[in-house]
Amino acid sequence: MAVIDLILNLVGLAFWLNWRSLKLAPVAASAGISLAGIVRRAEPRRARGWPLLLALAVLLFLRGLVYWQIGSAVNWTPKLELGVIAISFRSDFLARTLLFSALSFVLTLVVFYLWLLLLSLVNGRGAEAEPLQKFVRLHLGGIAPWPWPLRLLLPLVIASVLWLALTPILTQWRMIPAARSAVQRLEQAGLLGLGVYLTAKYLIIALLALYLVNSYIYLGSHSFWNFIGVTGRNLLLPLRWLPLRVGKMEFRPVVGIALVSLGAELAERGLTSLYSRLAL
């Protein structure tokens, strides 16, 4: 069921990106960015995004309804993994499965935009000639020109605000313990916000793995592989001073993957431990 939930989240994300692309099509055209191959071409004057948003809402509602109908039968408890904690939703209550369906997609959306922010921070304006980097900046919209410290802090702020907004209903339904004070709830929100950054490890590891493959196997001059090359080199800049090249063998991507995996694991354990102490 968890795999099905992930697939449906990706379908919902496709609806969202198609809706955003319809809105961004005129801007993309003026910037020289082609959205062909990402979404179907639509006439700007006739393009209406509401059917896509309606389809997304229907998908999330029907998914919650299905989870309510079959969750207990298949002995499945929906869980929302938030890095430092996992919140369980009883599948025999329709309101809770609907809330889980909505929050699961919101989490996917937050992670997706966090990844876009990471790519904008790593590549900056140096990779502006790359079509994919232009696409990243286009979807970030007005956030893309922000100073890098603000872009870096934005996921923390958004995740913390979302958590503070959700805690009243989660506490009322006894899904999380009530906070002893407002300060404790703020501390929990901060740790949850920091936990969101840990999802960046999946993107970084995937990019470095592709960079490693592309370093030894010529896969063509497509813009995607050019983007992988630029991004991989930028990600590995902190390791440039290490003697990790032996002949034609380049070990920096392997070391980078190992360091990211280890660092994320240690960070997750530390944040989880701190959150557990707050609950005492």
Protein backbone atom coordinates (compact mmCIF):
# COMPACT_ATOMS: atom_id res chain seq x y z
CA MET A 1 0.00 0.00 0.00
CA ALA A 2 2.86 2.36 0.71
CA VAL A 3 4.09 1.87 -2.87
CA ILE A 4 0.60 2.58 -4.22
CA ASP A 5 0.44 5.72 -2.10
CA LEU A 6 3.77 6.89 -3.52
CA ILE A 7 2.63 6.23 -7.09
CA LEU A 8 -0.58 8.18 -6.53
CA ASN A 9 1.43 11.03 -5.03
CA LEU A 10 3.53 11.13 -8.20
CA VAL A 11 0.35 11.15 -10.30
CA GLY A 12 -0.91 14.06 -8.21
CA LEU A 13 2.41 15.83 -8.66
CA ALA A 14 2.05 15.37 -12.44
CA PHE A 15 -1.37 17.05 -12.27
CA TRP A 16 0.15 19.89 -10.27
CA LEU A 17 3.09 20.40 -12.64
CA ASN A 18 0.83 20.34 -15.69
CA TRP A 19 -1.34 23.00 -14.08
CA ARG A 20 1.71 25.10 -13.22
CA SER A 21 3.11 24.65 -16.72
CA LEU A 22 -0.10 25.99 -18.25
CA LYS A 23 0.26 29.08 -16.11
CA LEU A 24 3.94 29.42 -16.90
CA ALA A 25 3.73 28.78 -20.65
CA PRO A 26 3.70 32.49 -21.66
CA VAL A 27 6.63 33.23 -19.32
CA ALA A 28 8.53 30.22 -20.64
CA ALA A 29 8.01 31.33 -24.22
CA SER A 30 9.32 34.82 -23.49
CA ALA A 31 12.35 33.31 -21.72
CA GLY A 32 13.08 30.94 -24.57
CA ILE A 33 12.24 27.82 -22.55
CA SER A 34 10.40 25.03 -24.28
CA LEU A 35 7.90 23.09 -22.24
CA ALA A 36 7.34 20.62 -25.04
CA GLY A 37 7.85 17.09 -23.89
CA ILE A 38 6.93 18.04 -20.33
CA VAL A 39 3.30 18.91 -20.88
CA ARG A 40 1.07 18.78 -23.89
CA ARG A 41 1.02 21.90 -25.93
CA ALA A 42 -2.01 24.06 -25.23
CA GLU A 43 -3.26 27.29 -26.68
CA PRO A 44 -2.49 29.98 -24.08
CA ARG A 45 -5.82 31.76 -24.57
CA ARG A 46 -7.81 28.57 -24.16
CA ALA A 47 -5.70 26.95 -21.49
CA ARG A 48 -7.66 26.47 -18.31
CA GLY A 49 -5.97 24.89 -15.37
CA TRP A 50 -9.00 24.21 -13.20
CA PRO A 51 -9.71 20.72 -14.63
CA LEU A 52 -6.22 19.65 -13.52
CA LEU A 53 -6.74 21.00 -10.01
CA LEU A 54 -10.17 19.37 -9.93
CA ALA A 55 -8.63 16.07 -11.02
CA LEU A 56 -6.04 16.42 -8.25
CA ALA A 57 -8.73 17.09 -5.62
CA VAL A 58 -10.80 14.13 -6.85
CA LEU A 59 -7.72 11.89 -6.78
CA LEU A 60 -6.92 12.83 -3.18
CA PHE A 61 -10.54 12.40 -2.06
CA LEU A 62 -11.02 9.03 -3.77
CA ARG A 63 -7.68 7.82 -2.44
CA GLY A 64 -8.71 8.66 1.11
CA LEU A 65 -12.05 6.93 0.53
CA VAL A 66 -10.34 3.77 -0.75
CA TYR A 67 -7.93 3.75 2.18
CA TRP A 68 -10.90 3.95 4.53
CA GLN A 69 -12.64 1.08 2.76
CA ILE A 70 -9.75 -1.35 2.49
CA GLY A 71 -7.23 -0.19 5.10
CA SER A 72 -8.62 -2.33 7.91
CA ALA A 73 -9.27 -5.27 5.58
CA VAL A 74 -5.63 -5.48 4.52
CA ASN A 75 -4.37 -4.59 8.02
CA TRP A 76 -2.68 -1.41 6.80
CA THR A 77 -2.16 1.69 8.93
CA PRO A 78 -1.30 4.83 6.93
CA LYS A 79 1.83 6.51 8.27
CA LEU A 80 3.23 9.92 7.53
CA GLU A 81 7.03 9.82 7.75
CA LEU A 82 8.27 13.21 8.89
CA GLY A 83 11.94 12.47 9.40
CA VAL A 84 12.06 12.69 13.19
CA ILE A 85 8.67 11.05 13.83
CA ALA A 86 6.07 8.97 12.03
CA ILE A 87 2.39 9.77 12.57
CA SER A 88 -0.09 6.91 12.24
CA PHE A 89 -3.63 7.44 10.93
CA ARG A 90 -6.34 4.94 11.85
CA SER A 91 -7.82 3.63 8.62
CA ASP A 92 -11.26 2.97 10.16
CA PHE A 93 -12.01 6.71 10.39
CA LEU A 94 -12.84 8.40 7.08
CA ALA A 95 -11.80 11.87 8.26
CA ARG A 96 -8.35 10.57 9.17
CA THR A 97 -7.74 8.76 5.90
CA LEU A 98 -8.83 11.87 4.00
CA LEU A 99 -6.44 13.97 6.08
CA PHE A 100 -3.66 11.46 5.47
CA SER A 101 -4.31 11.52 1.72
CA ALA A 102 -4.06 15.32 1.65
CA LEU A 103 -1.00 15.53 3.91
CA SER A 104 0.82 12.77 2.05
CA PHE A 105 0.53 14.79 -1.16
CA VAL A 106 1.48 18.05 0.58
CA LEU A 107 4.62 16.36 1.89
CA THR A 108 5.46 15.21 -1.65
CA LEU A 109 4.98 18.77 -2.88
CA VAL A 110 7.19 20.21 -0.14
CA VAL A 111 9.95 17.71 -0.90
CA PHE A 112 9.74 18.43 -4.63
CA TYR A 113 10.15 22.18 -4.15
CA LEU A 114 12.91 21.59 -1.63
CA TRP A 115 14.75 19.70 -4.36
CA LEU A 116 14.20 22.59 -6.78
CA LEU A 117 15.61 24.97 -4.18
CA LEU A 118 18.62 22.70 -3.73
CA LEU A 119 19.28 22.72 -7.47
CA SER A 120 18.98 26.51 -7.57
CA LEU A 121 21.43 26.82 -4.65
CA VAL A 122 23.94 24.33 -6.04
CA ASN A 123 24.02 25.64 -9.59
CA GLY A 124 23.17 29.27 -8.98
CA ARG A 125 23.23 31.35 -12.13
CA GLY A 126 26.28 29.61 -13.55
CA ALA A 127 24.15 26.93 -15.15
CA GLU A 128 21.56 29.36 -16.46
CA ALA A 129 22.30 28.24 -20.02
CA GLU A 130 21.11 24.74 -19.17
CA PRO A 131 17.44 24.27 -20.17
CA LEU A 132 16.73 22.17 -17.08
CA GLN A 133 18.18 24.81 -14.79
CA LYS A 134 16.01 27.42 -16.47
CA PHE A 135 13.07 25.13 -15.88
CA VAL A 136 13.98 24.95 -12.18
CA ARG A 137 14.09 28.73 -11.92
CA LEU A 138 10.83 29.03 -13.81
CA HIS A 139 8.96 26.75 -11.41
CA LEU A 140 10.44 28.52 -8.40
CA GLY A 141 9.05 31.75 -9.77
CA GLY A 142 9.70 34.82 -7.64
CA ILE A 143 11.64 32.76 -5.10
CA ALA A 144 14.50 32.04 -7.53
CA PRO A 145 16.13 35.53 -7.30
CA TRP A 146 16.03 35.57 -3.49
CA PRO A 147 19.38 35.69 -1.65
CA TRP A 148 20.64 32.19 -0.97
CA PRO A 149 20.25 32.39 2.86
CA LEU A 150 16.53 33.10 2.45
CA ARG A 151 16.10 30.25 -0.04
CA LEU A 152 17.99 27.95 2.31
CA LEU A 153 15.74 28.82 5.27
CA LEU A 154 12.45 28.74 3.35
CA PRO A 155 11.78 24.96 3.71
CA LEU A 156 12.38 25.21 7.46
CA VAL A 157 9.88 28.06 7.78
CA ILE A 158 7.22 26.41 5.61
CA ALA A 159 7.50 23.01 7.32
CA SER A 160 7.40 24.62 10.77
CA VAL A 161 4.33 26.70 9.94
CA LEU A 162 2.52 23.66 8.51
CA TRP A 163 3.29 21.66 11.63
CA LEU A 164 2.03 24.43 13.93
CA ALA A 165 -1.16 24.66 11.87
CA LEU A 166 -1.76 20.91 12.08
CA THR A 167 -0.96 20.30 15.74
CA PRO A 168 -4.37 21.38 17.10
CA ILE A 169 -6.28 18.73 15.14
CA LEU A 170 -3.57 16.09 15.63
CA THR A 171 -3.64 16.75 19.36
CA GLN A 172 -7.43 16.72 19.48
CA TRP A 173 -7.47 13.33 17.76
CA ARG A 174 -4.75 12.14 20.16
CA MET A 175 -2.38 11.32 17.35
CA ILE A 176 0.39 13.29 19.04
CA PRO A 177 0.76 14.21 22.72
CA ALA A 178 -0.28 17.67 23.80
CA ALA A 179 2.57 20.13 24.26
CA ARG A 180 3.34 21.40 27.74
CA SER A 181 3.92 24.90 26.45
CA ALA A 182 4.01 27.02 23.31
CA VAL A 183 7.80 27.00 23.49
CA GLN A 184 7.88 23.21 23.37
CA ARG A 185 5.61 23.19 20.32
CA LEU A 186 7.87 25.72 18.59
CA GLU A 187 10.89 23.55 19.35
CA GLN A 188 9.12 20.53 17.88
CA ALA A 189 8.18 22.54 14.79
CA GLY A 190 11.81 23.55 14.34
CA LEU A 191 13.02 19.96 14.55
CA LEU A 192 10.33 18.84 12.08
CA GLY A 193 11.43 21.62 9.74
CA LEU A 194 15.06 20.55 9.96
CA GLY A 195 14.00 16.96 9.30
CA VAL A 196 12.61 17.98 5.92
CA TYR A 197 16.13 18.78 4.71
CA LEU A 198 17.09 15.13 5.17
CA THR A 199 14.99 14.23 2.12
CA ALA A 200 17.58 16.05 0.00
CA LYS A 201 19.88 13.04 0.43
CA TYR A 202 17.88 11.05 -2.10
CA LEU A 203 18.30 13.71 -4.77
CA ILE A 204 21.99 14.25 -4.04
CA ILE A 205 22.79 10.54 -4.08
CA ALA A 206 20.87 10.05 -7.33
CA LEU A 207 22.64 13.00 -8.98
CA LEU A 208 26.09 11.81 -7.88
CA ALA A 209 25.34 8.27 -9.03
CA LEU A 210 24.31 9.54 -12.47
CA TYR A 211 27.38 11.78 -12.55
CA LEU A 212 29.58 8.77 -11.78
CA VAL A 213 28.01 6.72 -14.56
CA ASN A 214 28.28 9.59 -17.03
CA SER A 215 31.95 10.03 -16.12
CA TYR A 216 32.86 6.58 -17.42
CA ILE A 217 30.20 5.90 -20.04
CA TYR A 218 29.48 8.35 -22.84
CA LEU A 219 25.71 8.72 -22.93
CA GLY A 220 25.47 11.47 -25.51
CA SER A 221 25.38 15.25 -25.48
CA HIS A 222 21.76 15.62 -24.43
CA SER A 223 21.03 18.62 -22.21
CA PHE A 224 20.06 16.27 -19.38
CA TRP A 225 23.56 14.81 -19.19
CA ASN A 226 25.11 18.26 -19.47
CA PHE A 227 22.95 19.27 -16.52
CA ILE A 228 24.08 16.18 -14.58
CA GLY A 229 27.71 17.04 -15.30
CA VAL A 230 27.39 20.65 -14.13
CA THR A 231 25.39 19.72 -11.03
CA GLY A 232 27.68 16.82 -10.10
CA ARG A 233 30.80 18.98 -10.32
CA ASN A 234 29.18 21.69 -8.18
CA LEU A 235 28.07 19.18 -5.56
CA LEU A 236 31.61 17.80 -5.34
CA LEU A 237 33.32 21.17 -5.00
CA PRO A 238 33.84 20.74 -1.21
CA LEU A 239 35.92 17.61 -2.00
CA ARG A 240 38.06 19.19 -4.71
CA TRP A 241 41.07 19.47 -2.40
CA LEU A 242 41.15 15.74 -1.61
CA PRO A 243 43.50 13.53 -3.73
CA LEU A 244 40.75 11.16 -4.83
CA ARG A 245 41.85 10.59 -8.41
CA VAL A 246 44.04 7.59 -9.21
CA GLY A 247 44.99 7.58 -12.87
CA LYS A 248 41.73 7.80 -14.75
CA MET A 249 39.72 6.61 -11.76
CA GLU A 250 37.71 9.33 -10.04
CA PHE A 251 36.56 8.46 -6.52
CA ARG A 252 35.04 11.78 -5.49
CA PRO A 253 31.46 10.78 -6.44
CA VAL A 254 31.75 7.56 -4.41
CA VAL A 255 33.13 9.43 -1.40
CA GLY A 256 30.44 12.08 -1.82
CA ILE A 257 27.67 9.48 -1.81
CA ALA A 258 29.16 7.82 1.28
CA LEU A 259 29.49 11.14 3.15
CA VAL A 260 25.94 12.22 2.31
CA SER A 261 24.52 8.85 3.39
CA LEU A 262 26.48 8.85 6.65
CA GLY A 263 25.77 12.49 7.40
CA ALA A 264 22.05 12.11 6.78
CA GLU A 265 21.91 9.00 8.98
CA LEU A 266 23.68 10.74 11.87
CA ALA A 267 21.57 13.87 11.48
CA GLU A 268 18.35 11.85 11.50
CA ARG A 269 19.37 10.02 14.65
CA GLY A 270 20.32 13.28 16.34
CA LEU A 271 17.06 15.04 15.44
CA THR A 272 15.01 12.00 16.45
CA SER A 273 16.78 11.88 19.81
CA LEU A 274 16.19 15.59 20.42
CA TYR A 275 12.51 15.25 19.50
CA SER A 276 12.11 12.31 21.86
CA ARG A 277 13.60 14.34 24.71
CA LEU A 278 11.13 17.13 24.06
CA ALA A 279 8.27 14.66 24.52
CA LEU A 280 9.49 13.68 28.01
